[in-house]
Amino acid sequence: MAYVISDDCVSCGACAGGCPVGAISEGDAHYQIDADTCIECGACAGTCPSGAISQE
């Protein structure tokens, strides 16, 4: 299951820098993860200071 970013995201960008495959980009309201690119490694969840990233 791919990881997702909730509305708790503060758009700091920490997760994007931690993604080894570049699956995270800035969306309209907050950052978002491309489920087709995500390799489900969880690196992004470990970098999120607001705890906004979890598996679906």
PDB file of N, CA and C in Angstrom:
ATOM      1  N   MET A   1       0.828  -1.183   0.000  1.00  0.00           N
ATOM      2  CA  MET A   1       0.000   0.000   0.000  1.00  0.00           C
ATOM      3  C   MET A   1       0.878   1.254   0.000  1.00  0.00           C
ATOM      4  N   ALA A   2       0.573   2.158  -0.855  1.00  0.00           N
ATOM      5  CA  ALA A   2       1.339   3.404  -0.947  1.00  0.00           C
ATOM      6  C   ALA A   2       1.092   4.276   0.275  1.00  0.00           C
ATOM      7  N   TYR A   3       2.009   5.179   0.528  1.00  0.00           N
ATOM      8  CA  TYR A   3       1.864   6.141   1.606  1.00  0.00           C
ATOM      9  C   TYR A   3       1.048   7.329   1.099  1.00  0.00           C
ATOM     10  N   VAL A   4       0.371   8.007   2.026  1.00  0.00           N
ATOM     11  CA  VAL A   4      -0.425   9.188   1.699  1.00  0.00           C
ATOM     12  C   VAL A   4      -0.102  10.300   2.691  1.00  0.00           C
ATOM     13  N   ILE A   5      -0.339  11.523   2.270  1.00  0.00           N
ATOM     14  CA  ILE A   5      -0.113  12.687   3.121  1.00  0.00           C
ATOM     15  C   ILE A   5      -1.463  13.294   3.459  1.00  0.00           C
ATOM     16  N   SER A   6      -1.721  13.454   4.747  1.00  0.00           N
ATOM     17  CA  SER A   6      -3.009  13.987   5.195  1.00  0.00           C
ATOM     18  C   SER A   6      -3.023  15.518   5.191  1.00  0.00           C
ATOM     19  N   ASP A   7      -4.178  16.064   5.548  1.00  0.00           N
ATOM     20  CA  ASP A   7      -4.337  17.514   5.622  1.00  0.00           C
ATOM     21  C   ASP A   7      -3.539  18.128   6.774  1.00  0.00           C
ATOM     22  N   ASP A   8      -2.937  17.292   7.616  1.00  0.00           N
ATOM     23  CA  ASP A   8      -2.086  17.790   8.705  1.00  0.00           C
ATOM     24  C   ASP A   8      -0.743  18.295   8.184  1.00  0.00           C
ATOM     25  N   CYS A   9      -0.457  18.083   6.910  1.00  0.00           N
ATOM     26  CA  CYS A   9       0.799  18.518   6.282  1.00  0.00           C
ATOM     27  C   CYS A   9       0.950  20.035   6.395  1.00  0.00           C
ATOM     28  N   VAL A  10       2.151  20.469   6.797  1.00  0.00           N
ATOM     29  CA  VAL A  10       2.431  21.899   6.917  1.00  0.00           C
ATOM     30  C   VAL A  10       3.262  22.412   5.733  1.00  0.00           C
ATOM     31  N   SER A  11       3.414  21.591   4.706  1.00  0.00           N
ATOM     32  CA  SER A  11       4.125  21.942   3.467  1.00  0.00           C
ATOM     33  C   SER A  11       5.559  22.397   3.702  1.00  0.00           C
ATOM     34  N   CYS A  12       6.267  21.714   4.593  1.00  0.00           N
ATOM     35  CA  CYS A  12       7.659  22.077   4.884  1.00  0.00           C
ATOM     36  C   CYS A  12       8.626  21.503   3.840  1.00  0.00           C
ATOM     37  N   GLY A  13       8.225  20.418   3.150  1.00  0.00           N
ATOM     38  CA  GLY A  13       9.066  19.826   2.119  1.00  0.00           C
ATOM     39  C   GLY A  13      10.067  18.799   2.607  1.00  0.00           C
ATOM     40  N   ALA A  14      10.096  18.520   3.895  1.00  0.00           N
ATOM     41  CA  ALA A  14      11.055  17.552   4.429  1.00  0.00           C
ATOM     42  C   ALA A  14      10.872  16.173   3.799  1.00  0.00           C
ATOM     43  N   CYS A  15       9.654  15.787   3.561  1.00  0.00           N
ATOM     44  CA  CYS A  15       9.367  14.466   3.004  1.00  0.00           C
ATOM     45  C   CYS A  15       9.875  14.329   1.572  1.00  0.00           C
ATOM     46  N   ALA A  16       9.753  15.379   0.795  1.00  0.00           N
ATOM     47  CA  ALA A  16      10.182  15.328  -0.604  1.00  0.00           C
ATOM     48  C   ALA A  16      11.682  15.058  -0.706  1.00  0.00           C
ATOM     49  N   GLY A  17      12.448  15.660   0.176  1.00  0.00           N
ATOM     50  CA  GLY A  17      13.887  15.439   0.180  1.00  0.00           C
ATOM     51  C   GLY A  17      14.267  14.057   0.658  1.00  0.00           C
ATOM     52  N   GLY A  18      13.394  13.419   1.426  1.00  0.00           N
ATOM     53  CA  GLY A  18      13.679  12.091   1.954  1.00  0.00           C
ATOM     54  C   GLY A  18      13.230  10.955   1.064  1.00  0.00           C
ATOM     55  N   CYS A  19      12.502  11.245   0.006  1.00  0.00           N
ATOM     56  CA  CYS A  19      11.990  10.191  -0.881  1.00  0.00           C
ATOM     57  C   CYS A  19      13.055   9.766  -1.883  1.00  0.00           C
ATOM     58  N   PRO A  20      13.465   8.486  -1.849  1.00  0.00           N
ATOM     59  CA  PRO A  20      14.528   8.024  -2.742  1.00  0.00           C
ATOM     60  C   PRO A  20      14.128   7.913  -4.212  1.00  0.00           C
ATOM     61  N   VAL A  21      12.827   7.938  -4.507  1.00  0.00           N
ATOM     62  CA  VAL A  21      12.377   7.791  -5.897  1.00  0.00           C
ATOM     63  C   VAL A  21      11.664   9.031  -6.432  1.00  0.00           C
ATOM     64  N   GLY A  22      11.636  10.105  -5.668  1.00  0.00           N
ATOM     65  CA  GLY A  22      11.023  11.348  -6.137  1.00  0.00           C
ATOM     66  C   GLY A  22       9.526  11.271  -6.331  1.00  0.00           C
ATOM     67  N   ALA A  23       8.835  10.510  -5.481  1.00  0.00           N
ATOM     68  CA  ALA A  23       7.388  10.328  -5.622  1.00  0.00           C
ATOM     69  C   ALA A  23       6.575  11.441  -4.984  1.00  0.00           C
ATOM     70  N   ILE A  24       7.239  12.395  -4.323  1.00  0.00           N
ATOM     71  CA  ILE A  24       6.523  13.436  -3.583  1.00  0.00           C
ATOM     72  C   ILE A  24       6.702  14.788  -4.263  1.00  0.00           C
ATOM     73  N   SER A  25       5.576  15.480  -4.439  1.00  0.00           N
ATOM     74  CA  SER A  25       5.622  16.807  -5.056  1.00  0.00           C
ATOM     75  C   SER A  25       4.658  17.726  -4.315  1.00  0.00           C
ATOM     76  N   GLU A  26       4.832  19.019  -4.519  1.00  0.00           N
ATOM     77  CA  GLU A  26       3.968  20.002  -3.873  1.00  0.00           C
ATOM     78  C   GLU A  26       2.632  20.067  -4.607  1.00  0.00           C
ATOM     79  N   GLY A  27       1.543  19.870  -3.876  1.00  0.00           N
ATOM     80  CA  GLY A  27       0.207  19.942  -4.445  1.00  0.00           C
ATOM     81  C   GLY A  27      -0.416  21.291  -4.183  1.00  0.00           C
ATOM     82  N   ASP A  28      -1.689  21.423  -4.490  1.00  0.00           N
ATOM     83  CA  ASP A  28      -2.393  22.686  -4.284  1.00  0.00           C
ATOM     84  C   ASP A  28      -2.506  23.045  -2.805  1.00  0.00           C
ATOM     85  N   ALA A  29      -2.936  22.095  -1.978  1.00  0.00           N
ATOM     86  CA  ALA A  29      -3.151  22.364  -0.559  1.00  0.00           C
ATOM     87  C   ALA A  29      -1.967  21.934   0.304  1.00  0.00           C
ATOM     88  N   HIS A  30      -1.292  20.855  -0.092  1.00  0.00           N
ATOM     89  CA  HIS A  30      -0.145  20.324   0.647  1.00  0.00           C
ATOM     90  C   HIS A  30       0.612  19.356  -0.261  1.00  0.00           C
ATOM     91  N   TYR A  31       1.701  18.827   0.225  1.00  0.00           N
ATOM     92  CA  TYR A  31       2.473  17.882  -0.573  1.00  0.00           C
ATOM     93  C   TYR A  31       1.651  16.618  -0.810  1.00  0.00           C
ATOM     94  N   GLN A  32       1.974  15.911  -1.900  1.00  0.00           N
ATOM     95  CA  GLN A  32       1.251  14.689  -2.236  1.00  0.00           C
ATOM     96  C   GLN A  32       2.215  13.630  -2.741  1.00  0.00           C
ATOM     97  N   ILE A  33       1.817  12.379  -2.604  1.00  0.00           N
ATOM     98  CA  ILE A  33       2.639  11.242  -3.021  1.00  0.00           C
ATOM     99  C   ILE A  33       1.997  10.578  -4.221  1.00  0.00           C
ATOM    100  N   ASP A  34       2.771  10.367  -5.267  1.00  0.00           N
ATOM    101  CA  ASP A  34       2.300   9.653  -6.450  1.00  0.00           C
ATOM    102  C   ASP A  34       2.311   8.163  -6.127  1.00  0.00           C
ATOM    103  N   ALA A  35       1.131   7.566  -5.996  1.00  0.00           N
ATOM    104  CA  ALA A  35       1.000   6.164  -5.608  1.00  0.00           C
ATOM    105  C   ALA A  35       1.650   5.217  -6.610  1.00  0.00           C
ATOM    106  N   ASP A  36       1.698   5.599  -7.874  1.00  0.00           N
ATOM    107  CA  ASP A  36       2.304   4.738  -8.898  1.00  0.00           C
ATOM    108  C   ASP A  36       3.825   4.724  -8.801  1.00  0.00           C
ATOM    109  N   THR A  37       4.416   5.766  -8.243  1.00  0.00           N
ATOM    110  CA  THR A  37       5.871   5.872  -8.119  1.00  0.00           C
ATOM    111  C   THR A  37       6.360   5.403  -6.753  1.00  0.00           C
ATOM    112  N   CYS A  38       5.535   5.530  -5.734  1.00  0.00           N
ATOM    113  CA  CYS A  38       5.894   5.179  -4.358  1.00  0.00           C
ATOM    114  C   CYS A  38       6.312   3.708  -4.266  1.00  0.00           C
ATOM    115  N   ILE A  39       7.455   3.460  -3.622  1.00  0.00           N
ATOM    116  CA  ILE A  39       7.935   2.084  -3.446  1.00  0.00           C
ATOM    117  C   ILE A  39       7.659   1.566  -2.033  1.00  0.00           C
ATOM    118  N   GLU A  40       6.872   2.311  -1.273  1.00  0.00           N
ATOM    119  CA  GLU A  40       6.417   1.914   0.052  1.00  0.00           C
ATOM    120  C   GLU A  40       7.553   1.654   1.029  1.00  0.00           C
ATOM    121  N   CYS A  41       8.604   2.462   0.951  1.00  0.00           N
ATOM    122  CA  CYS A  41       9.764   2.270   1.831  1.00  0.00           C
ATOM    123  C   CYS A  41       9.582   2.930   3.184  1.00  0.00           C
ATOM    124  N   GLY A  42       8.723   3.964   3.274  1.00  0.00           N
ATOM    125  CA  GLY A  42       8.462   4.638   4.531  1.00  0.00           C
ATOM    126  C   GLY A  42       9.456   5.718   4.907  1.00  0.00           C
ATOM    127  N   ALA A  43      10.418   5.996   4.050  1.00  0.00           N
ATOM    128  CA  ALA A  43      11.415   7.025   4.358  1.00  0.00           C
ATOM    129  C   ALA A  43      10.754   8.380   4.598  1.00  0.00           C
ATOM    130  N   CYS A  44       9.731   8.686   3.853  1.00  0.00           N
ATOM    131  CA  CYS A  44       9.047   9.972   3.990  1.00  0.00           C
ATOM    132  C   CYS A  44       8.382  10.117   5.349  1.00  0.00           C
ATOM    133  N   ALA A  45       7.771   9.054   5.830  1.00  0.00           N
ATOM    134  CA  ALA A  45       7.073   9.103   7.115  1.00  0.00           C
ATOM    135  C   ALA A  45       8.038   9.427   8.251  1.00  0.00           C
ATOM    136  N   GLY A  46       9.254   8.956   8.135  1.00  0.00           N
ATOM    137  CA  GLY A  46      10.248   9.209   9.162  1.00  0.00           C
ATOM    138  C   GLY A  46      10.761  10.632   9.181  1.00  0.00           C
ATOM    139  N   THR A  47      10.568  11.373   8.083  1.00  0.00           N
ATOM    140  CA  THR A  47      11.063  12.751   8.010  1.00  0.00           C
ATOM    141  C   THR A  47       9.987  13.791   8.304  1.00  0.00           C
ATOM    142  N   CYS A  48       8.737  13.385   8.364  1.00  0.00           N
ATOM    143  CA  CYS A  48       7.633  14.338   8.532  1.00  0.00           C
ATOM    144  C   CYS A  48       7.514  14.817   9.984  1.00  0.00           C
ATOM    145  N   PRO A  49       7.741  16.116  10.231  1.00  0.00           N
ATOM    146  CA  PRO A  49       7.671  16.622  11.603  1.00  0.00           C
ATOM    147  C   PRO A  49       6.249  16.718  12.160  1.00  0.00           C
ATOM    148  N   SER A  50       5.248  16.696  11.287  1.00  0.00           N
ATOM    149  CA  SER A  50       3.865  16.814  11.773  1.00  0.00           C
ATOM    150  C   SER A  50       3.133  15.475  11.795  1.00  0.00           C
ATOM    151  N   GLY A  51       3.808  14.400  11.418  1.00  0.00           N
ATOM    152  CA  GLY A  51       3.187  13.082  11.441  1.00  0.00           C
ATOM    153  C   GLY A  51       2.049  12.940  10.458  1.00  0.00           C
ATOM    154  N   ALA A  52       2.140  13.643   9.337  1.00  0.00           N
ATOM    155  CA  ALA A  52       1.047  13.665   8.368  1.00  0.00           C
ATOM    156  C   ALA A  52       1.092  12.538   7.340  1.00  0.00           C
ATOM    157  N   ILE A  53       2.108  11.670   7.415  1.00  0.00           N
ATOM    158  CA  ILE A  53       2.260  10.625   6.402  1.00  0.00           C
ATOM    159  C   ILE A  53       2.006   9.244   7.002  1.00  0.00           C
ATOM    160  N   SER A  54       1.144   8.474   6.327  1.00  0.00           N
ATOM    161  CA  SER A  54       0.825   7.120   6.780  1.00  0.00           C
ATOM    162  C   SER A  54       0.510   6.251   5.563  1.00  0.00           C
ATOM    163  N   GLN A  55       0.451   4.951   5.794  1.00  0.00           N
ATOM    164  CA  GLN A  55       0.062   4.045   4.709  1.00  0.00           C
ATOM    165  C   GLN A  55      -1.456   4.046   4.587  1.00  0.00           C
ATOM    166  N   GLU A  56      -1.934   3.894   3.351  1.00  0.00           N
ATOM    167  CA  GLU A  56      -3.382   3.836   3.103  1.00  0.00           C
ATOM    168  C   GLU A  56      -3.975   2.613   3.746  1.00  0.00           C
TER     169      GLU A  56
END
